[in-house]
């Protein structure tokens, strides 16, 4: 869904136009009390800002969103690097890459191996690594421009 864990996370979704908020992983991680904490924090924020209802701010942040098509450089990829000394072989990097749609990481004897032809440089693997065993490499790989 998007990783909503706090009222601030929920607020960001609402400001970008969400009319409802879905929380799943955070409930599994922190229990149902997180829903009450989220509601309390969001209600306090609205009160402090003088806003009567969540409905009044749905989509209010859309003016600050810009089109990045011409701004983002997409011709190179910064591959992740795996620190095998820190890696505990948990497989979170493999699972996240597989579920994220790239299937660029495979296990070889519980050691992650990267398929550079499939990697898009999103670094989701580094975000989910509990040991900090994955970090951006220092070499950018140029990709040929896609044919239109």
N, C-alpha and C. Protein backbone atom coordinates (compact mmCIF):
# COMPACT_ATOMS: atom_id res chain seq x y z
N UNK A 1 0.83 -1.20 0.00
CA UNK A 1 0.00 0.00 0.00
C UNK A 1 0.86 1.24 0.00
N UNK A 2 1.83 1.31 0.86
CA UNK A 2 2.63 2.52 0.86
C UNK A 2 3.36 2.81 2.15
N UNK A 3 3.19 1.97 3.15
CA UNK A 3 3.99 2.12 4.35
C UNK A 3 3.49 3.16 5.33
N UNK A 4 2.20 3.28 5.53
CA UNK A 4 1.67 4.24 6.49
C UNK A 4 1.88 3.69 7.89
N UNK A 5 2.64 4.43 8.69
CA UNK A 5 2.90 4.03 10.08
C UNK A 5 2.53 5.12 11.07
N UNK A 6 2.45 6.36 10.63
CA UNK A 6 2.17 7.48 11.53
C UNK A 6 1.08 8.37 10.93
N UNK A 7 0.57 9.26 11.75
CA UNK A 7 -0.42 10.20 11.26
C UNK A 7 0.17 11.10 10.18
N UNK A 8 1.46 11.38 10.26
CA UNK A 8 2.10 12.20 9.23
C UNK A 8 2.11 11.48 7.88
N UNK A 9 2.36 10.18 7.90
CA UNK A 9 2.29 9.40 6.66
C UNK A 9 0.89 9.46 6.07
N UNK A 10 -0.12 9.29 6.93
CA UNK A 10 -1.51 9.35 6.47
C UNK A 10 -1.82 10.73 5.90
N UNK A 11 -1.34 11.77 6.57
CA UNK A 11 -1.57 13.13 6.11
C UNK A 11 -1.00 13.34 4.71
N UNK A 12 0.19 12.81 4.45
CA UNK A 12 0.79 12.96 3.12
C UNK A 12 -0.09 12.33 2.04
N UNK A 13 -0.63 11.16 2.32
CA UNK A 13 -1.52 10.50 1.36
C UNK A 13 -2.79 11.33 1.14
N UNK A 14 -3.34 11.85 2.22
CA UNK A 14 -4.56 12.67 2.12
C UNK A 14 -4.29 13.93 1.32
N UNK A 15 -3.18 14.59 1.59
CA UNK A 15 -2.84 15.81 0.86
C UNK A 15 -2.64 15.54 -0.64
N UNK A 16 -2.26 14.32 -0.98
CA UNK A 16 -2.08 13.96 -2.38
C UNK A 16 -3.36 13.42 -3.01
N UNK A 17 -4.47 13.43 -2.26
CA UNK A 17 -5.76 13.10 -2.84
C UNK A 17 -6.43 11.84 -2.33
N UNK A 18 -5.83 11.14 -1.40
CA UNK A 18 -6.45 9.91 -0.89
C UNK A 18 -7.69 10.23 -0.07
N UNK A 19 -8.78 9.56 -0.40
CA UNK A 19 -10.02 9.73 0.35
C UNK A 19 -10.15 8.72 1.47
N UNK A 20 -9.28 7.72 1.45
CA UNK A 20 -9.25 6.73 2.53
C UNK A 20 -7.81 6.26 2.71
N UNK A 21 -7.53 5.71 3.88
CA UNK A 21 -6.18 5.27 4.23
C UNK A 21 -6.25 3.80 4.62
N UNK A 22 -5.31 3.02 4.11
CA UNK A 22 -5.27 1.59 4.42
C UNK A 22 -3.98 1.29 5.16
N UNK A 23 -4.11 0.59 6.28
CA UNK A 23 -2.94 0.23 7.08
C UNK A 23 -2.96 -1.27 7.29
N UNK A 24 -1.89 -1.93 6.87
CA UNK A 24 -1.84 -3.38 7.03
C UNK A 24 -0.57 -3.80 7.74
N UNK A 25 0.57 -3.55 7.12
CA UNK A 25 1.84 -4.00 7.69
C UNK A 25 2.08 -3.38 9.06
N UNK A 26 1.77 -2.11 9.22
CA UNK A 26 1.98 -1.44 10.50
C UNK A 26 1.13 -2.07 11.60
N UNK A 27 -0.08 -2.51 11.27
CA UNK A 27 -0.92 -3.18 12.26
C UNK A 27 -0.28 -4.51 12.67
N UNK A 28 0.26 -5.22 11.68
CA UNK A 28 0.94 -6.48 12.00
C UNK A 28 2.16 -6.24 12.88
N UNK A 29 2.83 -5.14 12.63
CA UNK A 29 4.07 -4.85 13.35
C UNK A 29 3.82 -4.26 14.74
N UNK A 30 2.84 -3.34 14.85
CA UNK A 30 2.64 -2.60 16.09
C UNK A 30 1.33 -2.91 16.80
N UNK A 31 0.44 -3.65 16.16
CA UNK A 31 -0.85 -3.94 16.76
C UNK A 31 -1.90 -2.90 16.38
N UNK A 32 -3.13 -3.20 16.74
CA UNK A 32 -4.25 -2.33 16.35
C UNK A 32 -4.22 -0.96 17.01
N UNK A 33 -3.47 -0.82 18.10
CA UNK A 33 -3.41 0.48 18.78
C UNK A 33 -2.89 1.58 17.86
N UNK A 34 -2.18 1.18 16.82
CA UNK A 34 -1.64 2.18 15.89
C UNK A 34 -2.76 2.98 15.22
N UNK A 35 -3.90 2.36 15.03
CA UNK A 35 -5.03 3.06 14.41
C UNK A 35 -5.51 4.20 15.31
N UNK A 36 -5.63 3.93 16.61
CA UNK A 36 -6.05 4.97 17.54
C UNK A 36 -5.01 6.09 17.61
N UNK A 37 -3.73 5.72 17.60
CA UNK A 37 -2.66 6.73 17.63
C UNK A 37 -2.67 7.58 16.37
N UNK A 38 -2.92 6.96 15.24
CA UNK A 38 -2.98 7.69 13.98
C UNK A 38 -4.15 8.68 14.00
N UNK A 39 -5.32 8.21 14.44
CA UNK A 39 -6.48 9.09 14.50
C UNK A 39 -6.25 10.25 15.47
N UNK A 40 -5.68 9.96 16.62
CA UNK A 40 -5.43 11.01 17.62
C UNK A 40 -4.45 12.06 17.09
N UNK A 41 -3.37 11.59 16.46
CA UNK A 41 -2.39 12.52 15.92
C UNK A 41 -2.95 13.37 14.80
N UNK A 42 -3.72 12.77 13.93
CA UNK A 42 -4.32 13.51 12.82
C UNK A 42 -5.36 14.50 13.33
N UNK A 43 -6.17 14.10 14.31
CA UNK A 43 -7.16 15.02 14.89
C UNK A 43 -6.48 16.20 15.58
N UNK A 44 -5.39 15.94 16.30
CA UNK A 44 -4.65 17.01 16.97
C UNK A 44 -4.09 17.99 15.94
N UNK A 45 -3.52 17.45 14.88
CA UNK A 45 -2.98 18.30 13.80
C UNK A 45 -4.07 19.19 13.20
N UNK A 46 -5.20 18.58 12.87
CA UNK A 46 -6.29 19.35 12.28
C UNK A 46 -6.75 20.46 13.22
N UNK A 47 -6.86 20.14 14.50
CA UNK A 47 -7.27 21.13 15.49
C UNK A 47 -6.25 22.27 15.55
N UNK A 48 -4.98 21.95 15.60
CA UNK A 48 -3.93 22.97 15.68
C UNK A 48 -3.90 23.87 14.45
N UNK A 49 -4.26 23.30 13.31
CA UNK A 49 -4.25 24.06 12.06
C UNK A 49 -5.57 24.77 11.80
N UNK A 50 -6.57 24.55 12.67
CA UNK A 50 -7.87 25.19 12.49
C UNK A 50 -8.68 24.60 11.34
N UNK A 51 -8.45 23.34 11.04
CA UNK A 51 -9.16 22.65 9.96
C UNK A 51 -10.27 21.82 10.58
N UNK A 52 -11.49 21.98 10.06
CA UNK A 52 -12.64 21.33 10.66
C UNK A 52 -12.75 19.85 10.33
N UNK A 53 -12.32 19.44 9.13
CA UNK A 53 -12.53 18.06 8.71
C UNK A 53 -11.40 17.60 7.79
N UNK A 54 -11.12 16.33 7.83
CA UNK A 54 -10.13 15.74 6.91
C UNK A 54 -10.57 16.00 5.47
N UNK A 55 -11.87 15.99 5.24
CA UNK A 55 -12.38 16.23 3.88
C UNK A 55 -11.91 17.56 3.31
N UNK A 56 -11.62 18.53 4.19
CA UNK A 56 -11.21 19.86 3.75
C UNK A 56 -9.79 19.89 3.20
N UNK A 57 -9.00 18.84 3.44
CA UNK A 57 -7.60 18.87 2.99
C UNK A 57 -7.28 17.79 1.94
N UNK A 58 -8.27 16.99 1.56
CA UNK A 58 -8.02 15.96 0.55
C UNK A 58 -7.56 16.64 -0.75
N UNK A 59 -6.37 16.28 -1.19
CA UNK A 59 -5.83 16.82 -2.43
C UNK A 59 -5.21 18.20 -2.32
N UNK A 60 -5.13 18.75 -1.11
CA UNK A 60 -4.63 20.12 -0.94
C UNK A 60 -3.15 20.27 -1.33
N UNK A 61 -2.40 19.19 -1.38
CA UNK A 61 -0.98 19.28 -1.73
C UNK A 61 -0.68 19.05 -3.19
N UNK A 62 -1.69 18.83 -4.00
CA UNK A 62 -1.45 18.50 -5.41
C UNK A 62 -0.75 19.61 -6.18
N UNK A 63 -0.94 20.86 -5.76
CA UNK A 63 -0.28 21.97 -6.46
C UNK A 63 1.24 21.93 -6.31
N UNK A 64 1.73 21.24 -5.29
CA UNK A 64 3.17 21.20 -5.07
C UNK A 64 3.84 20.02 -5.79
N UNK A 65 3.07 19.20 -6.49
CA UNK A 65 3.62 18.07 -7.22
C UNK A 65 4.02 18.54 -8.61
N UNK A 66 5.22 18.17 -9.03
CA UNK A 66 5.68 18.60 -10.35
C UNK A 66 5.96 17.40 -11.23
N UNK A 67 5.97 17.63 -12.51
CA UNK A 67 6.30 16.60 -13.49
C UNK A 67 7.82 16.52 -13.57
N UNK A 68 8.35 15.35 -13.30
CA UNK A 68 9.82 15.19 -13.28
C UNK A 68 10.35 14.55 -14.55
N UNK A 69 9.52 14.40 -15.55
CA UNK A 69 9.92 13.71 -16.77
C UNK A 69 11.21 14.29 -17.36
N UNK A 70 11.33 15.58 -17.39
CA UNK A 70 12.51 16.20 -17.99
C UNK A 70 13.63 16.44 -16.99
N UNK A 71 13.37 16.22 -15.70
CA UNK A 71 14.34 16.53 -14.67
C UNK A 71 15.16 15.30 -14.25
N UNK A 72 14.52 14.16 -14.14
CA UNK A 72 15.21 12.96 -13.66
C UNK A 72 16.11 12.36 -14.73
N UNK A 73 17.30 12.04 -14.33
CA UNK A 73 18.26 11.38 -15.23
C UNK A 73 18.03 9.89 -15.10
N UNK A 74 17.66 9.25 -16.18
CA UNK A 74 17.30 7.84 -16.14
C UNK A 74 18.20 6.96 -17.01
N UNK A 75 19.30 7.50 -17.48
CA UNK A 75 20.15 6.75 -18.40
C UNK A 75 21.23 5.93 -17.71
N UNK A 76 21.39 6.10 -16.41
CA UNK A 76 22.39 5.31 -15.69
C UNK A 76 21.76 4.66 -14.47
N UNK A 77 22.38 3.59 -14.02
CA UNK A 77 21.90 2.86 -12.85
C UNK A 77 23.04 2.75 -11.85
N UNK A 78 22.76 3.03 -10.60
CA UNK A 78 23.72 2.84 -9.52
C UNK A 78 23.33 1.55 -8.81
N UNK A 79 24.07 0.48 -9.09
CA UNK A 79 23.74 -0.83 -8.55
C UNK A 79 24.02 -0.92 -7.05
N UNK A 80 23.26 -1.75 -6.36
CA UNK A 80 23.55 -2.01 -4.95
C UNK A 80 24.76 -2.93 -4.82
N UNK A 81 25.45 -2.80 -3.69
CA UNK A 81 26.59 -3.66 -3.37
C UNK A 81 26.26 -4.40 -2.08
N UNK A 82 26.52 -5.70 -2.04
CA UNK A 82 26.22 -6.54 -0.89
C UNK A 82 27.47 -6.76 -0.05
N UNK A 83 27.39 -6.43 1.24
CA UNK A 83 28.47 -6.67 2.19
C UNK A 83 28.24 -8.04 2.82
N UNK A 84 28.93 -9.04 2.32
CA UNK A 84 28.69 -10.42 2.77
C UNK A 84 29.11 -10.64 4.23
N UNK A 85 29.94 -9.76 4.76
CA UNK A 85 30.31 -9.88 6.18
C UNK A 85 29.13 -9.52 7.09
N UNK A 86 28.32 -8.55 6.65
CA UNK A 86 27.17 -8.11 7.44
C UNK A 86 25.90 -8.92 7.14
N UNK A 87 25.84 -9.51 5.95
CA UNK A 87 24.64 -10.23 5.52
C UNK A 87 24.39 -11.46 6.39
N UNK A 88 23.14 -11.59 6.87
CA UNK A 88 22.80 -12.76 7.67
C UNK A 88 22.02 -13.81 6.87
N UNK A 89 21.84 -13.56 5.57
CA UNK A 89 21.16 -14.52 4.71
C UNK A 89 19.67 -14.61 4.93
N UNK A 90 19.05 -13.54 5.44
CA UNK A 90 17.62 -13.58 5.77
C UNK A 90 16.73 -13.64 4.53
N UNK A 91 17.20 -13.11 3.41
CA UNK A 91 16.44 -13.18 2.17
C UNK A 91 15.47 -12.03 1.93
N UNK A 92 15.44 -11.05 2.80
CA UNK A 92 14.51 -9.94 2.60
C UNK A 92 14.79 -9.21 1.30
N UNK A 93 16.05 -9.08 0.92
CA UNK A 93 16.40 -8.41 -0.33
C UNK A 93 15.85 -9.17 -1.53
N UNK A 94 15.97 -10.48 -1.48
CA UNK A 94 15.49 -11.33 -2.59
C UNK A 94 13.96 -11.22 -2.69
N UNK A 95 13.29 -11.32 -1.56
CA UNK A 95 11.82 -11.25 -1.55
C UNK A 95 11.34 -9.89 -2.05
N UNK A 96 11.93 -8.81 -1.54
CA UNK A 96 11.47 -7.48 -1.95
C UNK A 96 11.73 -7.23 -3.43
N UNK A 97 12.85 -7.70 -3.93
CA UNK A 97 13.16 -7.52 -5.35
C UNK A 97 12.22 -8.36 -6.22
N UNK A 98 11.95 -9.57 -5.79
CA UNK A 98 11.02 -10.41 -6.54
C UNK A 98 9.62 -9.82 -6.54
N UNK A 99 9.15 -9.41 -5.37
CA UNK A 99 7.81 -8.86 -5.26
C UNK A 99 7.72 -7.46 -5.85
N UNK A 100 8.84 -6.75 -5.87
CA UNK A 100 8.87 -5.40 -6.44
C UNK A 100 8.84 -5.41 -7.96
N UNK A 101 9.00 -6.57 -8.55
CA UNK A 101 8.83 -6.69 -9.98
C UNK A 101 10.09 -6.80 -10.81
N UNK A 102 11.26 -6.85 -10.19
CA UNK A 102 12.49 -6.84 -10.98
C UNK A 102 13.20 -8.18 -11.04
N UNK A 103 13.07 -8.99 -10.01
CA UNK A 103 13.71 -10.31 -9.94
C UNK A 103 15.20 -10.23 -10.28
N UNK A 104 15.87 -9.22 -9.74
CA UNK A 104 17.29 -9.00 -10.05
C UNK A 104 18.23 -9.59 -9.01
N UNK A 105 17.69 -10.11 -7.91
CA UNK A 105 18.55 -10.69 -6.87
C UNK A 105 18.17 -12.16 -6.68
N UNK A 106 19.16 -13.01 -6.70
CA UNK A 106 18.98 -14.44 -6.44
C UNK A 106 19.91 -14.84 -5.32
N UNK A 107 19.58 -15.93 -4.65
CA UNK A 107 20.45 -16.47 -3.61
C UNK A 107 21.37 -17.53 -4.19
N UNK A 108 22.62 -17.48 -3.79
CA UNK A 108 23.59 -18.52 -4.12
C UNK A 108 24.20 -18.94 -2.78
N UNK A 109 23.70 -20.04 -2.24
CA UNK A 109 24.16 -20.52 -0.93
C UNK A 109 23.91 -19.47 0.16
N UNK A 110 22.69 -18.88 0.14
CA UNK A 110 22.24 -17.84 1.08
C UNK A 110 23.05 -16.56 0.99
N UNK A 111 23.70 -16.33 -0.13
CA UNK A 111 24.42 -15.08 -0.39
C UNK A 111 23.74 -14.41 -1.58
N UNK A 112 23.32 -13.14 -1.43
CA UNK A 112 22.63 -12.48 -2.54
C UNK A 112 23.58 -12.18 -3.70
N UNK A 113 23.08 -12.45 -4.90
CA UNK A 113 23.82 -12.17 -6.14
C UNK A 113 22.93 -11.33 -7.03
N UNK A 114 23.50 -10.29 -7.63
CA UNK A 114 22.75 -9.34 -8.44
C UNK A 114 22.83 -9.68 -9.92
N UNK A 115 21.71 -9.62 -10.60
CA UNK A 115 21.67 -9.72 -12.06
C UNK A 115 21.53 -8.29 -12.58
N UNK A 116 22.65 -7.73 -13.02
CA UNK A 116 22.68 -6.34 -13.46
C UNK A 116 21.79 -6.03 -14.65
N UNK A 117 21.46 -7.05 -15.43
CA UNK A 117 20.59 -6.82 -16.59
C UNK A 117 19.15 -6.55 -16.16
N UNK A 118 18.79 -7.00 -14.97
CA UNK A 118 17.42 -6.81 -14.49
C UNK A 118 17.29 -5.67 -13.48
N UNK A 119 18.38 -5.30 -12.83
CA UNK A 119 18.35 -4.28 -11.79
C UNK A 119 18.07 -2.90 -12.37
N UNK A 120 17.16 -2.16 -11.73
CA UNK A 120 16.85 -0.80 -12.16
C UNK A 120 17.42 0.25 -11.19
N UNK A 121 18.12 -0.21 -10.16
CA UNK A 121 18.74 0.71 -9.21
C UNK A 121 17.78 1.36 -8.24
N UNK A 122 16.68 0.70 -7.91
CA UNK A 122 15.69 1.29 -7.00
C UNK A 122 16.15 1.26 -5.54
N UNK A 123 17.03 0.34 -5.19
CA UNK A 123 17.59 0.17 -3.86
C UNK A 123 16.57 -0.19 -2.79
N UNK A 124 15.46 -0.79 -3.21
CA UNK A 124 14.51 -1.33 -2.25
C UNK A 124 15.18 -2.38 -1.38
N UNK A 125 16.07 -3.13 -1.98
CA UNK A 125 16.80 -4.17 -1.22
C UNK A 125 17.53 -3.56 -0.03
N UNK A 126 18.15 -2.40 -0.23
CA UNK A 126 18.88 -1.75 0.86
C UNK A 126 17.93 -1.26 1.95
N UNK A 127 16.75 -0.82 1.54
CA UNK A 127 15.78 -0.32 2.51
C UNK A 127 15.25 -1.41 3.43
N UNK A 128 15.15 -2.63 2.92
CA UNK A 128 14.58 -3.71 3.73
C UNK A 128 15.63 -4.52 4.47
N UNK A 129 16.90 -4.30 4.20
CA UNK A 129 17.96 -5.08 4.84
C UNK A 129 18.08 -4.72 6.32
N UNK A 130 17.87 -5.69 7.22
CA UNK A 130 17.91 -5.38 8.65
C UNK A 130 19.33 -5.15 9.19
N UNK A 131 20.34 -5.54 8.45
CA UNK A 131 21.71 -5.41 8.94
C UNK A 131 22.51 -4.31 8.26
N UNK A 132 21.90 -3.57 7.36
CA UNK A 132 22.64 -2.53 6.65
C UNK A 132 23.74 -3.12 5.78
N UNK A 133 23.50 -4.30 5.24
CA UNK A 133 24.52 -5.00 4.45
C UNK A 133 24.47 -4.64 2.97
N UNK A 134 23.58 -3.73 2.59
CA UNK A 134 23.46 -3.34 1.18
C UNK A 134 23.56 -1.83 1.10
N UNK A 135 24.44 -1.36 0.22
CA UNK A 135 24.60 0.08 0.04
C UNK A 135 24.82 0.37 -1.44
N UNK A 136 24.62 1.63 -1.85
CA UNK A 136 24.84 1.98 -3.26
C UNK A 136 26.30 1.80 -3.64
N UNK A 137 26.52 1.28 -4.81
CA UNK A 137 27.88 1.16 -5.33
C UNK A 137 28.40 2.51 -5.77
N UNK A 138 29.63 2.56 -6.18
CA UNK A 138 30.22 3.83 -6.59
C UNK A 138 30.27 4.00 -8.11
N UNK A 139 29.96 2.94 -8.85
CA UNK A 139 30.05 3.00 -10.30
C UNK A 139 28.67 3.07 -10.93
N UNK A 140 28.46 4.08 -11.76
CA UNK A 140 27.21 4.20 -12.50
C UNK A 140 27.34 3.45 -13.82
N UNK A 141 26.34 2.69 -14.12
CA UNK A 141 26.32 1.91 -15.36
C UNK A 141 25.40 2.60 -16.35
N UNK A 142 25.92 2.93 -17.51
CA UNK A 142 25.10 3.56 -18.55
C UNK A 142 24.23 2.53 -19.22
N UNK A 143 22.99 2.89 -19.41
CA UNK A 143 22.05 2.02 -20.11
C UNK A 143 21.77 2.64 -21.47
N UNK A 144 21.66 1.82 -22.48
CA UNK A 144 21.30 2.38 -23.79
C UNK A 144 19.90 2.96 -23.75
N UNK A 145 19.68 4.03 -24.48
CA UNK A 145 18.37 4.66 -24.51
C UNK A 145 17.35 3.69 -25.08
N UNK A 146 16.15 3.71 -24.49
CA UNK A 146 15.09 2.83 -24.96
C UNK A 146 14.59 3.31 -26.32
N UNK A 147 14.29 2.37 -27.18
CA UNK A 147 13.75 2.70 -28.49
C UNK A 147 12.28 3.03 -28.37
N UNK A 148 11.87 4.06 -29.05
CA UNK A 148 10.47 4.48 -28.98
C UNK A 148 9.71 4.04 -30.18
